[in-house]
C-alpha cells in the first residue's frame, strides 16, 4: 500500500505544472484596435504615419484598414496621393 501512495504522490506532483500552465493562458483582447494592437507584423496607425512621413509624405490622415492593407491619404510634394501599406510593410503609392 505505501508504494501506491508514493506513485499517487508522484503523479499528483508531476501533473501540477500541466494544470497550472493550462490555467495561465492569456485570453486575446477583442477590443484591440489598430492603434493599440501589438500583433507581430502589424503596424499601429502612428507607426504607419511616422514611416510615411520619414519617406517624404506630409499631411498623413484617414488611416484605415482595407482588404489590400492599411490605406492612408497624404501629400507627396504638392500632389494628393492614396498610399497602401500591405501586410509585408510594402508601401504602394496609388497616384
PDB file of N, CA and C in Angstrom:
ATOM      1  N   UNK A   1       0.808  -1.205   0.000  1.00  0.00           N
ATOM      2  CA  UNK A   1       0.000   0.000   0.000  1.00  0.00           C
ATOM      3  C   UNK A   1       0.851   1.271   0.000  1.00  0.00           C
ATOM      4  N   UNK A   2       2.008   1.336   0.736  1.00  0.00           N
ATOM      5  CA  UNK A   2       2.825   2.547   0.694  1.00  0.00           C
ATOM      6  C   UNK A   2       3.336   2.847  -0.711  1.00  0.00           C
ATOM      7  N   UNK A   3       3.629   1.808  -1.521  1.00  0.00           N
ATOM      8  CA  UNK A   3       4.091   2.052  -2.890  1.00  0.00           C
ATOM      9  C   UNK A   3       3.011   2.764  -3.697  1.00  0.00           C
ATOM     10  N   UNK A   4       1.763   2.401  -3.486  1.00  0.00           N
ATOM     11  CA  UNK A   4       0.649   3.028  -4.188  1.00  0.00           C
ATOM     12  C   UNK A   4       0.542   4.504  -3.822  1.00  0.00           C
ATOM     13  N   UNK A   5       0.749   4.839  -2.549  1.00  0.00           N
ATOM     14  CA  UNK A   5       0.711   6.237  -2.120  1.00  0.00           C
ATOM     15  C   UNK A   5       1.856   7.039  -2.743  1.00  0.00           C
ATOM     16  N   UNK A   6       3.038   6.437  -2.839  1.00  0.00           N
ATOM     17  CA  UNK A   6       4.183   7.111  -3.437  1.00  0.00           C
ATOM     18  C   UNK A   6       3.916   7.371  -4.920  1.00  0.00           C
ATOM     19  N   UNK A   7       3.384   6.388  -5.610  1.00  0.00           N
ATOM     20  CA  UNK A   7       3.072   6.549  -7.037  1.00  0.00           C
ATOM     21  C   UNK A   7       2.014   7.637  -7.222  1.00  0.00           C
ATOM     22  N   UNK A   8       0.986   7.648  -6.390  1.00  0.00           N
ATOM     23  CA  UNK A   8      -0.071   8.661  -6.482  1.00  0.00           C
ATOM     24  C   UNK A   8       0.503  10.044  -6.228  1.00  0.00           C
ATOM     25  N   UNK A   9       1.404  10.168  -5.243  1.00  0.00           N
ATOM     26  CA  UNK A   9       2.008  11.464  -4.938  1.00  0.00           C
ATOM     27  C   UNK A   9       2.866  11.946  -6.103  1.00  0.00           C
ATOM     28  N   UNK A  10       3.636  11.054  -6.712  1.00  0.00           N
ATOM     29  CA  UNK A  10       4.479  11.424  -7.847  1.00  0.00           C
ATOM     30  C   UNK A  10       3.614  11.889  -9.016  1.00  0.00           C
ATOM     31  N   UNK A  11       2.544  11.173  -9.291  1.00  0.00           N
ATOM     32  CA  UNK A  11       1.654  11.562 -10.386  1.00  0.00           C
ATOM     33  C   UNK A  11       0.979  12.891 -10.107  1.00  0.00           C
ATOM     34  N   UNK A  12       0.602  13.141  -8.868  1.00  0.00           N
ATOM     35  CA  UNK A  12      -0.049  14.382  -8.493  1.00  0.00           C
ATOM     36  C   UNK A  12       0.907  15.559  -8.670  1.00  0.00           C
ATOM     37  N   UNK A  13       2.151  15.402  -8.209  1.00  0.00           N
ATOM     38  CA  UNK A  13       3.140  16.467  -8.331  1.00  0.00           C
ATOM     39  C   UNK A  13       3.517  16.680  -9.799  1.00  0.00           C
ATOM     40  N   UNK A  14       3.671  15.613 -10.556  1.00  0.00           N
ATOM     41  CA  UNK A  14       4.038  15.734 -11.976  1.00  0.00           C
ATOM     42  C   UNK A  14       2.932  16.393 -12.780  1.00  0.00           C
ATOM     43  N   UNK A  15       1.682  16.181 -12.416  1.00  0.00           N
ATOM     44  CA  UNK A  15       0.553  16.756 -13.149  1.00  0.00           C
ATOM     45  C   UNK A  15       0.281  18.198 -12.786  1.00  0.00           C
ATOM     46  N   UNK A  16       0.788  18.690 -11.645  1.00  0.00           N
ATOM     47  CA  UNK A  16       0.507  20.055 -11.191  1.00  0.00           C
ATOM     48  C   UNK A  16       0.993  21.114 -12.174  1.00  0.00           C
ATOM     49  N   UNK A  17       2.227  21.028 -12.722  1.00  0.00           N
ATOM     50  CA  UNK A  17       2.650  22.061 -13.672  1.00  0.00           C
ATOM     51  C   UNK A  17       1.771  22.108 -14.922  1.00  0.00           C
ATOM     52  N   UNK A  18       1.276  20.969 -15.350  1.00  0.00           N
ATOM     53  CA  UNK A  18       0.423  20.953 -16.529  1.00  0.00           C
ATOM     54  C   UNK A  18      -0.893  21.666 -16.257  1.00  0.00           C
ATOM     55  N   UNK A  19      -1.438  21.472 -15.081  1.00  0.00           N
ATOM     56  CA  UNK A  19      -2.698  22.108 -14.733  1.00  0.00           C
ATOM     57  C   UNK A  19      -2.505  23.607 -14.616  1.00  0.00           C
ATOM     58  N   UNK A  20      -1.469  24.049 -13.925  1.00  0.00           N
ATOM     59  CA  UNK A  20      -1.271  25.486 -13.766  1.00  0.00           C
ATOM     60  C   UNK A  20      -0.925  26.147 -15.099  1.00  0.00           C
ATOM     61  N   UNK A  21      -0.213  25.452 -15.990  1.00  0.00           N
ATOM     62  CA  UNK A  21       0.083  26.001 -17.302  1.00  0.00           C
ATOM     63  C   UNK A  21      -1.205  26.200 -18.086  1.00  0.00           C
ATOM     64  N   UNK A  22      -2.085  25.240 -18.044  1.00  0.00           N
ATOM     65  CA  UNK A  22      -3.330  25.336 -18.797  1.00  0.00           C
ATOM     66  C   UNK A  22      -4.196  26.465 -18.273  1.00  0.00           C
ATOM     67  N   UNK A  23      -4.138  26.745 -16.999  1.00  0.00           N
ATOM     68  CA  UNK A  23      -4.969  27.791 -16.428  1.00  0.00           C
ATOM     69  C   UNK A  23      -4.383  29.180 -16.614  1.00  0.00           C
ATOM     70  N   UNK A  24      -3.109  29.278 -16.947  1.00  0.00           N
ATOM     71  CA  UNK A  24      -2.487  30.590 -17.041  1.00  0.00           C
ATOM     72  C   UNK A  24      -2.480  31.156 -18.458  1.00  0.00           C
ATOM     73  N   UNK A  25      -3.143  30.512 -19.391  1.00  0.00           N
ATOM     74  CA  UNK A  25      -3.122  31.024 -20.760  1.00  0.00           C
ATOM     75  C   UNK A  25      -3.866  32.346 -20.832  1.00  0.00           C
ATOM     76  N   UNK A  26      -3.304  33.285 -21.587  1.00  0.00           N
ATOM     77  CA  UNK A  26      -3.890  34.612 -21.725  1.00  0.00           C
ATOM     78  C   UNK A  26      -4.986  34.581 -22.776  1.00  0.00           C
ATOM     79  N   UNK A  27      -6.030  35.334 -22.518  1.00  0.00           N
ATOM     80  CA  UNK A  27      -7.117  35.453 -23.491  1.00  0.00           C
ATOM     81  C   UNK A  27      -6.848  36.670 -24.358  1.00  0.00           C
ATOM     82  N   UNK A  28      -7.101  36.596 -25.665  1.00  0.00           N
ATOM     83  CA  UNK A  28      -6.887  37.760 -26.526  1.00  0.00           C
ATOM     84  C   UNK A  28      -7.877  38.864 -26.187  1.00  0.00           C
ATOM     85  N   UNK A  29      -7.463  40.095 -26.403  1.00  0.00           N
ATOM     86  CA  UNK A  29      -8.316  41.244 -26.143  1.00  0.00           C
ATOM     87  C   UNK A  29      -9.116  41.562 -27.399  1.00  0.00           C
ATOM     88  N   UNK A  30     -10.425  41.279 -27.398  1.00  0.00           N
ATOM     89  CA  UNK A  30     -11.221  41.543 -28.596  1.00  0.00           C
ATOM     90  C   UNK A  30     -11.385  43.028 -28.883  1.00  0.00           C
ATOM     91  N   UNK A  31     -11.098  43.884 -27.899  1.00  0.00           N
ATOM     92  CA  UNK A  31     -11.273  45.317 -28.096  1.00  0.00           C
ATOM     93  C   UNK A  31     -10.024  45.979 -28.661  1.00  0.00           C
ATOM     94  N   UNK A  32      -8.995  45.207 -28.992  1.00  0.00           N
ATOM     95  CA  UNK A  32      -7.758  45.783 -29.519  1.00  0.00           C
ATOM     96  C   UNK A  32      -8.037  46.479 -30.846  1.00  0.00           C
ATOM     97  N   UNK A  33      -7.496  47.666 -31.010  1.00  0.00           N
ATOM     98  CA  UNK A  33      -7.676  48.441 -32.236  1.00  0.00           C
ATOM     99  C   UNK A  33      -6.334  48.555 -32.933  1.00  0.00           C
ATOM    100  N   UNK A  34      -6.294  49.039 -34.182  1.00  0.00           N
ATOM    101  CA  UNK A  34      -5.004  49.204 -34.849  1.00  0.00           C
ATOM    102  C   UNK A  34      -4.049  50.092 -34.060  1.00  0.00           C
ATOM    103  N   UNK A  35      -4.572  51.062 -33.289  1.00  0.00           N
ATOM    104  CA  UNK A  35      -3.706  51.936 -32.513  1.00  0.00           C
ATOM    105  C   UNK A  35      -3.045  51.186 -31.359  1.00  0.00           C
ATOM    106  N   UNK A  36      -3.724  50.177 -30.824  1.00  0.00           N
ATOM    107  CA  UNK A  36      -3.197  49.507 -29.643  1.00  0.00           C
ATOM    108  C   UNK A  36      -2.721  48.096 -29.925  1.00  0.00           C
ATOM    109  N   UNK A  37      -2.903  47.602 -31.106  1.00  0.00           N
ATOM    110  CA  UNK A  37      -2.527  46.229 -31.410  1.00  0.00           C
ATOM    111  C   UNK A  37      -1.018  46.065 -31.405  1.00  0.00           C
ATOM    112  N   UNK A  38      -0.557  44.950 -30.819  1.00  0.00           N
ATOM    113  CA  UNK A  38       0.875  44.669 -30.822  1.00  0.00           C
ATOM    114  C   UNK A  38       1.157  43.336 -31.500  1.00  0.00           C
ATOM    115  N   UNK A  39       0.279  42.924 -32.331  1.00  0.00           N
ATOM    116  CA  UNK A  39       0.481  41.662 -33.037  1.00  0.00           C
ATOM    117  C   UNK A  39       1.708  41.759 -33.917  1.00  0.00           C
ATOM    118  N   UNK A  40       2.476  40.688 -33.977  1.00  0.00           N
ATOM    119  CA  UNK A  40       3.679  40.713 -34.798  1.00  0.00           C
ATOM    120  C   UNK A  40       3.362  41.027 -36.254  1.00  0.00           C
ATOM    121  N   UNK A  41       4.164  41.932 -36.827  1.00  0.00           N
ATOM    122  CA  UNK A  41       3.971  42.268 -38.225  1.00  0.00           C
ATOM    123  C   UNK A  41       2.872  43.268 -38.475  1.00  0.00           C
ATOM    124  N   UNK A  42       2.158  43.668 -37.469  1.00  0.00           N
ATOM    125  CA  UNK A  42       1.060  44.610 -37.618  1.00  0.00           C
ATOM    126  C   UNK A  42       1.495  45.964 -37.083  1.00  0.00           C
ATOM    127  N   UNK A  43       1.528  46.972 -37.952  1.00  0.00           N
ATOM    128  CA  UNK A  43       1.935  48.307 -37.552  1.00  0.00           C
ATOM    129  C   UNK A  43       0.748  49.078 -36.991  1.00  0.00           C
ATOM    130  N   UNK A  44       0.991  49.911 -35.997  1.00  0.00           N
ATOM    131  CA  UNK A  44      -0.056  50.775 -35.475  1.00  0.00           C
ATOM    132  C   UNK A  44      -0.240  51.947 -36.439  1.00  0.00           C
ATOM    133  N   UNK A  45      -1.341  52.666 -36.277  1.00  0.00           N
ATOM    134  CA  UNK A  45      -1.585  53.827 -37.133  1.00  0.00           C
ATOM    135  C   UNK A  45      -0.468  54.855 -36.978  1.00  0.00           C
ATOM    136  N   UNK A  46       0.008  55.051 -35.752  1.00  0.00           N
ATOM    137  CA  UNK A  46       1.080  56.029 -35.525  1.00  0.00           C
ATOM    138  C   UNK A  46       2.377  55.577 -36.190  1.00  0.00           C
ATOM    139  N   UNK A  47       2.666  54.279 -36.142  1.00  0.00           N
ATOM    140  CA  UNK A  47       3.862  53.764 -36.814  1.00  0.00           C
ATOM    141  C   UNK A  47       3.770  53.953 -38.327  1.00  0.00           C
ATOM    142  N   UNK A  48       2.591  53.725 -38.881  1.00  0.00           N
ATOM    143  CA  UNK A  48       2.390  53.925 -40.324  1.00  0.00           C
ATOM    144  C   UNK A  48       2.594  55.394 -40.675  1.00  0.00           C
ATOM    145  N   UNK A  49       2.004  56.284 -39.872  1.00  0.00           N
ATOM    146  CA  UNK A  49       2.147  57.718 -40.118  1.00  0.00           C
ATOM    147  C   UNK A  49       3.619  58.124 -40.047  1.00  0.00           C
ATOM    148  N   UNK A  50       4.330  57.670 -39.021  1.00  0.00           N
ATOM    149  CA  UNK A  50       5.753  58.008 -38.878  1.00  0.00           C
ATOM    150  C   UNK A  50       6.568  57.494 -40.061  1.00  0.00           C
ATOM    151  N   UNK A  51       6.271  56.291 -40.498  1.00  0.00           N
ATOM    152  CA  UNK A  51       7.004  55.689 -41.611  1.00  0.00           C
ATOM    153  C   UNK A  51       6.778  56.480 -42.903  1.00  0.00           C
ATOM    154  N   UNK A  52       5.517  56.840 -43.164  1.00  0.00           N
ATOM    155  CA  UNK A  52       5.210  57.617 -44.376  1.00  0.00           C
ATOM    156  C   UNK A  52       5.879  58.989 -44.323  1.00  0.00           C
ATOM    157  N   UNK A  53       5.828  59.631 -43.164  1.00  0.00           N
ATOM    158  CA  UNK A  53       6.456  60.947 -43.036  1.00  0.00           C
ATOM    159  C   UNK A  53       7.968  60.857 -43.228  1.00  0.00           C
ATOM    160  N   UNK A  54       8.577  59.767 -42.784  1.00  0.00           N
ATOM    161  CA  UNK A  54      10.025  59.612 -42.974  1.00  0.00           C
ATOM    162  C   UNK A  54      10.386  59.419 -44.452  1.00  0.00           C
ATOM    163  N   UNK A  55       9.401  59.029 -45.255  1.00  0.00           N
ATOM    164  CA  UNK A  55       9.606  58.851 -46.697  1.00  0.00           C
ATOM    165  C   UNK A  55       9.201  60.086 -47.499  1.00  0.00           C
ATOM    166  N   UNK A  56       8.865  61.187 -46.807  1.00  0.00           N
ATOM    167  CA  UNK A  56       8.567  62.439 -47.500  1.00  0.00           C
ATOM    168  C   UNK A  56       7.090  62.743 -47.682  1.00  0.00           C
ATOM    169  N   UNK A  57       6.209  61.892 -47.190  1.00  0.00           N
ATOM    170  CA  UNK A  57       4.779  62.181 -47.268  1.00  0.00           C
ATOM    171  C   UNK A  57       4.420  63.162 -46.151  1.00  0.00           C
ATOM    172  N   UNK A  58       3.480  64.066 -46.445  1.00  0.00           N
ATOM    173  CA  UNK A  58       3.017  65.022 -45.437  1.00  0.00           C
ATOM    174  C   UNK A  58       1.504  64.928 -45.322  1.00  0.00           C
ATOM    175  N   UNK A  59       0.962  65.565 -44.313  1.00  0.00           N
ATOM    176  CA  UNK A  59      -0.485  65.609 -44.074  1.00  0.00           C
ATOM    177  C   UNK A  59      -1.105  64.207 -44.129  1.00  0.00           C
ATOM    178  N   UNK A  60      -0.484  63.250 -43.489  1.00  0.00           N
ATOM    179  CA  UNK A  60      -0.982  61.869 -43.479  1.00  0.00           C
ATOM    180  C   UNK A  60      -2.238  61.815 -42.621  1.00  0.00           C
ATOM    181  N   UNK A  61      -3.334  61.299 -43.203  1.00  0.00           N
ATOM    182  CA  UNK A  61      -4.613  61.236 -42.479  1.00  0.00           C
ATOM    183  C   UNK A  61      -5.462  60.097 -43.032  1.00  0.00           C
ATOM    184  N   UNK A  62      -6.628  59.903 -42.450  1.00  0.00           N
ATOM    185  CA  UNK A  62      -7.589  58.869 -42.875  1.00  0.00           C
ATOM    186  C   UNK A  62      -6.942  57.485 -42.974  1.00  0.00           C
ATOM    187  N   UNK A  63      -6.202  57.106 -41.959  1.00  0.00           N
ATOM    188  CA  UNK A  63      -5.557  55.792 -41.942  1.00  0.00           C
ATOM    189  C   UNK A  63      -6.609  54.762 -41.570  1.00  0.00           C
ATOM    190  N   UNK A  64      -6.834  53.795 -42.472  1.00  0.00           N
ATOM    191  CA  UNK A  64      -7.880  52.797 -42.208  1.00  0.00           C
ATOM    192  C   UNK A  64      -7.550  51.470 -42.889  1.00  0.00           C
ATOM    193  N   UNK A  65      -8.037  50.375 -42.304  1.00  0.00           N
ATOM    194  CA  UNK A  65      -7.782  49.057 -42.904  1.00  0.00           C
ATOM    195  C   UNK A  65      -8.607  48.861 -44.176  1.00  0.00           C
ATOM    196  N   UNK A  66      -8.017  48.165 -45.132  1.00  0.00           N
ATOM    197  CA  UNK A  66      -8.708  47.798 -46.368  1.00  0.00           C
ATOM    198  C   UNK A  66      -8.357  46.345 -46.664  1.00  0.00           C
ATOM    199  N   UNK A  67      -9.021  45.720 -47.617  1.00  0.00           N
ATOM    200  CA  UNK A  67      -8.662  44.342 -47.964  1.00  0.00           C
ATOM    201  C   UNK A  67      -7.219  44.193 -48.456  1.00  0.00           C
ATOM    202  N   UNK A  68      -6.649  45.246 -49.023  1.00  0.00           N
ATOM    203  CA  UNK A  68      -5.278  45.186 -49.551  1.00  0.00           C
ATOM    204  C   UNK A  68      -4.222  45.506 -48.504  1.00  0.00           C
ATOM    205  N   UNK A  69      -4.609  46.092 -47.374  1.00  0.00           N
ATOM    206  CA  UNK A  69      -3.671  46.514 -46.344  1.00  0.00           C
ATOM    207  C   UNK A  69      -4.243  47.702 -45.608  1.00  0.00           C
ATOM    208  N   UNK A  70      -3.379  48.605 -45.152  1.00  0.00           N
ATOM    209  CA  UNK A  70      -3.830  49.813 -44.471  1.00  0.00           C
ATOM    210  C   UNK A  70      -3.668  50.984 -45.416  1.00  0.00           C
ATOM    211  N   UNK A  71      -4.760  51.710 -45.639  1.00  0.00           N
ATOM    212  CA  UNK A  71      -4.785  52.815 -46.586  1.00  0.00           C
ATOM    213  C   UNK A  71      -4.660  54.138 -45.834  1.00  0.00           C
ATOM    214  N   UNK A  72      -4.059  55.138 -46.490  1.00  0.00           N
ATOM    215  CA  UNK A  72      -3.963  56.481 -45.914  1.00  0.00           C
ATOM    216  C   UNK A  72      -3.971  57.503 -47.039  1.00  0.00           C
ATOM    217  N   UNK A  73      -4.471  58.677 -46.733  1.00  0.00           N
ATOM    218  CA  UNK A  73      -4.415  59.821 -47.646  1.00  0.00           C
ATOM    219  C   UNK A  73      -3.238  60.671 -47.194  1.00  0.00           C
ATOM    220  N   UNK A  74      -2.505  61.236 -48.146  1.00  0.00           N
ATOM    221  CA  UNK A  74      -1.348  62.060 -47.810  1.00  0.00           C
ATOM    222  C   UNK A  74      -1.023  62.984 -48.978  1.00  0.00           C
ATOM    223  N   UNK A  75      -0.021  63.804 -48.767  1.00  0.00           N
ATOM    224  CA  UNK A  75       0.508  64.665 -49.821  1.00  0.00           C
ATOM    225  C   UNK A  75       1.941  64.227 -50.094  1.00  0.00           C
ATOM    226  N   UNK A  76       2.297  64.155 -51.356  1.00  0.00           N
ATOM    227  CA  UNK A  76       3.681  63.891 -51.768  1.00  0.00           C
ATOM    228  C   UNK A  76       4.053  65.067 -52.650  1.00  0.00           C
ATOM    229  N   UNK A  77       4.883  65.964 -52.112  1.00  0.00           N
ATOM    230  CA  UNK A  77       5.150  67.224 -52.811  1.00  0.00           C
ATOM    231  C   UNK A  77       3.882  68.062 -52.755  1.00  0.00           C
ATOM    232  N   UNK A  78       3.398  68.452 -53.928  1.00  0.00           N
ATOM    233  CA  UNK A  78       2.157  69.236 -53.975  1.00  0.00           C
ATOM    234  C   UNK A  78       0.980  68.421 -54.503  1.00  0.00           C
ATOM    235  N   UNK A  79       1.130  67.098 -54.546  1.00  0.00           N
ATOM    236  CA  UNK A  79       0.077  66.239 -55.088  1.00  0.00           C
ATOM    237  C   UNK A  79      -0.546  65.355 -54.003  1.00  0.00           C
ATOM    238  N   UNK A  80      -1.885  65.308 -53.976  1.00  0.00           N
ATOM    239  CA  UNK A  80      -2.548  64.381 -53.040  1.00  0.00           C
ATOM    240  C   UNK A  80      -2.418  62.949 -53.550  1.00  0.00           C
ATOM    241  N   UNK A  81      -2.146  62.028 -52.653  1.00  0.00           N
ATOM    242  CA  UNK A  81      -1.999  60.619 -53.023  1.00  0.00           C
ATOM    243  C   UNK A  81      -2.711  59.740 -51.995  1.00  0.00           C
ATOM    244  N   UNK A  82      -3.031  58.543 -52.436  1.00  0.00           N
ATOM    245  CA  UNK A  82      -3.507  57.495 -51.535  1.00  0.00           C
ATOM    246  C   UNK A  82      -2.416  56.441 -51.512  1.00  0.00           C
ATOM    247  N   UNK A  83      -2.010  56.047 -50.319  1.00  0.00           N
ATOM    248  CA  UNK A  83      -0.991  55.009 -50.191  1.00  0.00           C
ATOM    249  C   UNK A  83      -1.576  53.830 -49.433  1.00  0.00           C
ATOM    250  N   UNK A  84      -1.068  52.661 -49.745  1.00  0.00           N
ATOM    251  CA  UNK A  84      -1.482  51.442 -49.055  1.00  0.00           C
ATOM    252  C   UNK A  84      -0.223  50.782 -48.509  1.00  0.00           C
ATOM    253  N   UNK A  85      -0.277  50.401 -47.229  1.00  0.00           N
ATOM    254  CA  UNK A  85       0.809  49.638 -46.624  1.00  0.00           C
ATOM    255  C   UNK A  85       0.290  48.207 -46.533  1.00  0.00           C
ATOM    256  N   UNK A  86       0.909  47.286 -47.289  1.00  0.00           N
ATOM    257  CA  UNK A  86       0.416  45.911 -47.301  1.00  0.00           C
ATOM    258  C   UNK A  86       0.899  45.146 -46.066  1.00  0.00           C
ATOM    259  N   UNK A  87       0.485  43.897 -45.960  1.00  0.00           N
ATOM    260  CA  UNK A  87       0.791  43.100 -44.772  1.00  0.00           C
ATOM    261  C   UNK A  87       2.285  42.850 -44.598  1.00  0.00           C
ATOM    262  N   UNK A  88       3.065  42.971 -45.656  1.00  0.00           N
ATOM    263  CA  UNK A  88       4.520  42.795 -45.569  1.00  0.00           C
ATOM    264  C   UNK A  88       5.225  44.115 -45.253  1.00  0.00           C
ATOM    265  N   UNK A  89       4.467  45.215 -45.140  1.00  0.00           N
ATOM    266  CA  UNK A  89       5.054  46.519 -44.856  1.00  0.00           C
ATOM    267  C   UNK A  89       5.446  47.292 -46.094  1.00  0.00           C
ATOM    268  N   UNK A  90       5.155  46.741 -47.270  1.00  0.00           N
ATOM    269  CA  UNK A  90       5.471  47.417 -48.532  1.00  0.00           C
ATOM    270  C   UNK A  90       4.501  48.577 -48.743  1.00  0.00           C
ATOM    271  N   UNK A  91       5.044  49.724 -49.164  1.00  0.00           N
ATOM    272  CA  UNK A  91       4.214  50.904 -49.390  1.00  0.00           C
ATOM    273  C   UNK A  91       3.920  51.037 -50.868  1.00  0.00           C
ATOM    274  N   UNK A  92       2.624  51.104 -51.206  1.00  0.00           N
ATOM    275  CA  UNK A  92       2.170  51.211 -52.585  1.00  0.00           C
ATOM    276  C   UNK A  92       1.552  52.594 -52.767  1.00  0.00           C
ATOM    277  N   UNK A  93       2.155  53.399 -53.621  1.00  0.00           N
ATOM    278  CA  UNK A  93       1.673  54.755 -53.892  1.00  0.00           C
ATOM    279  C   UNK A  93       0.690  54.672 -55.059  1.00  0.00           C
ATOM    280  N   UNK A  94      -0.565  55.049 -54.812  1.00  0.00           N
ATOM    281  CA  UNK A  94      -1.605  54.955 -55.853  1.00  0.00           C
ATOM    282  C   UNK A  94      -1.912  56.324 -56.423  1.00  0.00           C
ATOM    283  N   UNK A  95      -0.984  56.880 -57.172  1.00  0.00           N
ATOM    284  CA  UNK A  95      -1.235  58.205 -57.790  1.00  0.00           C
ATOM    285  C   UNK A  95      -2.151  58.072 -58.960  1.00  0.00           C
TER     286      UNK A  95
END
